[in-house]
Each structure stands twice: as structure tokens, then as C-alpha cells.
Amino acid sequence: MPAKQPPSRTGLCPGERALRSQLNQILATQGVIRGTLLHRRRRCGNAGCHCAKGAGHPALYLILSEAGRQRQLYIPRGWHDRVRQWVDNHHQVRALIHAISQLHWKRIQDRQG
């Protein structure tokens, strides 16, 4: 007996088709990165700078946990908006995958195709 093929794209319910379309649009046209953004203040090292005695310069870091270790990466000012968008895209992708998973869960519960 041959294995049953998964339903074609046209065989998807409209809700799943819309979710997959959103997911594909994000993945095909935009960056995605997992991590958390952290705002800190840092000193530049210039002895004459106000940060040597004050609060420091604002800085943005991307924090990522891998294999139980936390990694930090400084994000230059020119990259702030881009990296923020990539992190937001990652959250959207996870939410869309979760929604598709919930639809499949419901299909299994209802014993539908």
C-alpha cells in the first residue's frame, strides 16, 4: 500500500492557507534571528569622555543562549532597526507555526483528512 501523500496546497483550509502565506512572506523576504535585545550603557575607553565618570553611552546587545551558554553580540547603531525587525520576525514566525500546529491538532482531534 503506497504512503498517503500530504494534502496539496489547494487542499488546505483557508485559515491554514493564510497562515502559511504569512509565514512564507516573512521567510522569503525578511531576515529572522532568535534572541533577545538588551539595552545597556557602556564606556568607550576615552579618558576625556563624559562616560568615564558618568552613566556611559547607550548600547544595544543581542543575547542568545546556545548549548546552555549565553552569548552577547554588540549591535552597532546603524543596525538597530534591522536587528529589531529580525527579532520581531522571529516572534511572528513562531506564532504562525504555533497557529498552524493548533489547526493540525484540531484536525487530528476531529479525525479529519
Protein backbone atom coordinates (compact mmCIF):
# COMPACT_ATOMS: atom_id res chain seq x y z
CA MET A 1 0.00 0.00 0.00
CA PRO A 2 1.59 3.33 -1.03
CA ALA A 3 2.08 6.02 1.59
CA LYS A 4 -0.60 8.67 1.67
CA GLN A 5 0.60 11.97 0.21
CA PRO A 6 0.12 15.13 2.26
CA PRO A 7 -2.68 17.39 1.04
CA SER A 8 -1.75 19.76 -1.74
CA ARG A 9 -1.67 23.47 -1.12
CA THR A 10 -5.11 23.79 -2.69
CA GLY A 11 -6.39 21.15 -0.28
CA LEU A 12 -5.64 23.34 2.74
CA CYS A 13 -8.36 25.12 4.64
CA PRO A 14 -8.46 28.91 4.06
CA GLY A 15 -7.18 29.61 7.58
CA GLU A 16 -4.12 27.41 7.15
CA ARG A 17 -3.51 28.77 3.66
CA ALA A 18 -3.49 32.33 5.05
CA LEU A 19 -1.12 31.38 7.90
CA ARG A 20 1.28 29.62 5.53
CA SER A 21 1.18 32.59 3.18
CA GLN A 22 2.16 34.97 6.01
CA LEU A 23 4.91 32.59 7.10
CA ASN A 24 6.32 32.25 3.59
CA GLN A 25 6.23 36.01 3.06
CA ILE A 26 8.31 36.65 6.18
CA LEU A 27 10.80 33.88 5.47
CA ALA A 28 11.22 34.74 1.78
CA THR A 29 11.62 38.50 2.05
CA GLN A 30 12.91 39.39 5.51
CA GLY A 31 15.59 38.39 7.99
CA VAL A 32 14.86 36.25 11.04
CA ILE A 33 17.03 35.91 14.13
CA ARG A 34 16.43 34.27 17.50
CA GLY A 35 17.48 36.25 20.52
CA THR A 36 16.64 38.97 23.00
CA LEU A 37 17.63 42.59 22.73
CA LEU A 38 19.22 44.19 25.77
CA HIS A 39 19.82 47.91 26.31
CA ARG A 40 22.94 48.70 28.33
CA ARG A 41 25.30 51.54 28.97
CA ARG A 42 28.98 51.11 28.21
CA ARG A 43 32.16 53.12 28.47
CA CYS A 44 34.05 53.92 25.30
CA GLY A 45 37.51 53.96 26.88
CA ASN A 46 38.29 57.59 26.06
CA ALA A 47 39.58 59.16 29.30
CA GLY A 48 38.22 62.59 28.33
CA CYS A 49 34.72 61.36 27.53
CA HIS A 50 31.77 62.02 29.85
CA CYS A 51 31.17 58.27 30.09
CA ALA A 52 34.41 57.78 32.08
CA LYS A 53 32.72 59.31 35.13
CA GLY A 54 29.07 59.15 34.16
CA ALA A 55 26.46 56.67 33.10
CA GLY A 56 28.07 55.61 29.84
CA HIS A 57 26.89 55.51 26.24
CA PRO A 58 23.65 53.70 25.33
CA ALA A 59 24.33 50.39 23.59
CA LEU A 60 22.22 47.55 22.21
CA TYR A 61 23.18 43.88 22.53
CA LEU A 62 21.64 40.73 21.08
CA ILE A 63 21.55 37.94 23.67
CA LEU A 64 21.34 34.30 22.58
CA SER A 65 21.52 31.08 24.58
CA GLU A 66 23.21 28.12 22.88
CA ALA A 67 24.12 24.82 24.46
CA GLY A 68 23.50 26.24 27.93
CA ARG A 69 25.80 29.20 27.38
CA GLN A 70 24.73 32.78 26.89
CA ARG A 71 26.28 34.75 24.04
CA GLN A 72 26.14 38.52 23.61
CA LEU A 73 26.74 40.48 20.46
CA TYR A 74 27.05 44.26 20.31
CA ILE A 75 24.75 45.77 17.68
CA PRO A 76 26.12 48.92 16.00
CA ARG A 77 23.75 51.91 15.92
CA GLY A 78 23.21 51.61 12.15
CA TRP A 79 21.92 48.06 12.60
CA HIS A 80 19.45 48.70 15.47
CA ASP A 81 16.26 48.93 13.37
CA ARG A 82 17.20 45.99 11.15
CA VAL A 83 18.05 43.66 14.04
CA ARG A 84 14.91 44.71 15.96
CA GLN A 85 12.84 43.79 12.89
CA TRP A 86 14.61 40.41 12.58
CA VAL A 87 13.92 39.60 16.24
CA ASP A 88 10.26 40.66 15.81
CA ASN A 89 10.05 38.48 12.68
CA HIS A 90 11.30 35.51 14.69
CA HIS A 91 8.48 36.02 17.20
CA GLN A 92 5.94 36.27 14.36
CA VAL A 93 7.27 33.09 12.71
CA ARG A 94 6.99 31.19 15.99
CA ALA A 95 3.42 32.43 16.49
CA LEU A 96 2.43 31.42 12.94
CA ILE A 97 3.95 27.95 13.33
CA HIS A 98 2.10 27.58 16.63
CA ALA A 99 -1.19 28.56 14.95
CA ILE A 100 -0.65 26.05 12.13
CA SER A 101 0.20 23.38 14.71
CA GLN A 102 -3.06 24.14 16.54
CA LEU A 103 -5.02 23.67 13.29
CA HIS A 104 -3.38 20.28 12.76
CA TRP A 105 -4.05 19.34 16.38
CA LYS A 106 -7.72 20.13 15.81
CA ARG A 107 -7.76 18.05 12.61
CA ILE A 108 -6.38 15.07 14.49
CA GLN A 109 -8.92 15.51 17.27
CA ASP A 110 -11.75 15.68 14.73
CA ARG A 111 -10.20 12.80 12.72
CA GLN A 112 -10.33 14.82 9.51
CA GLY A 113 -8.10 14.23 6.45
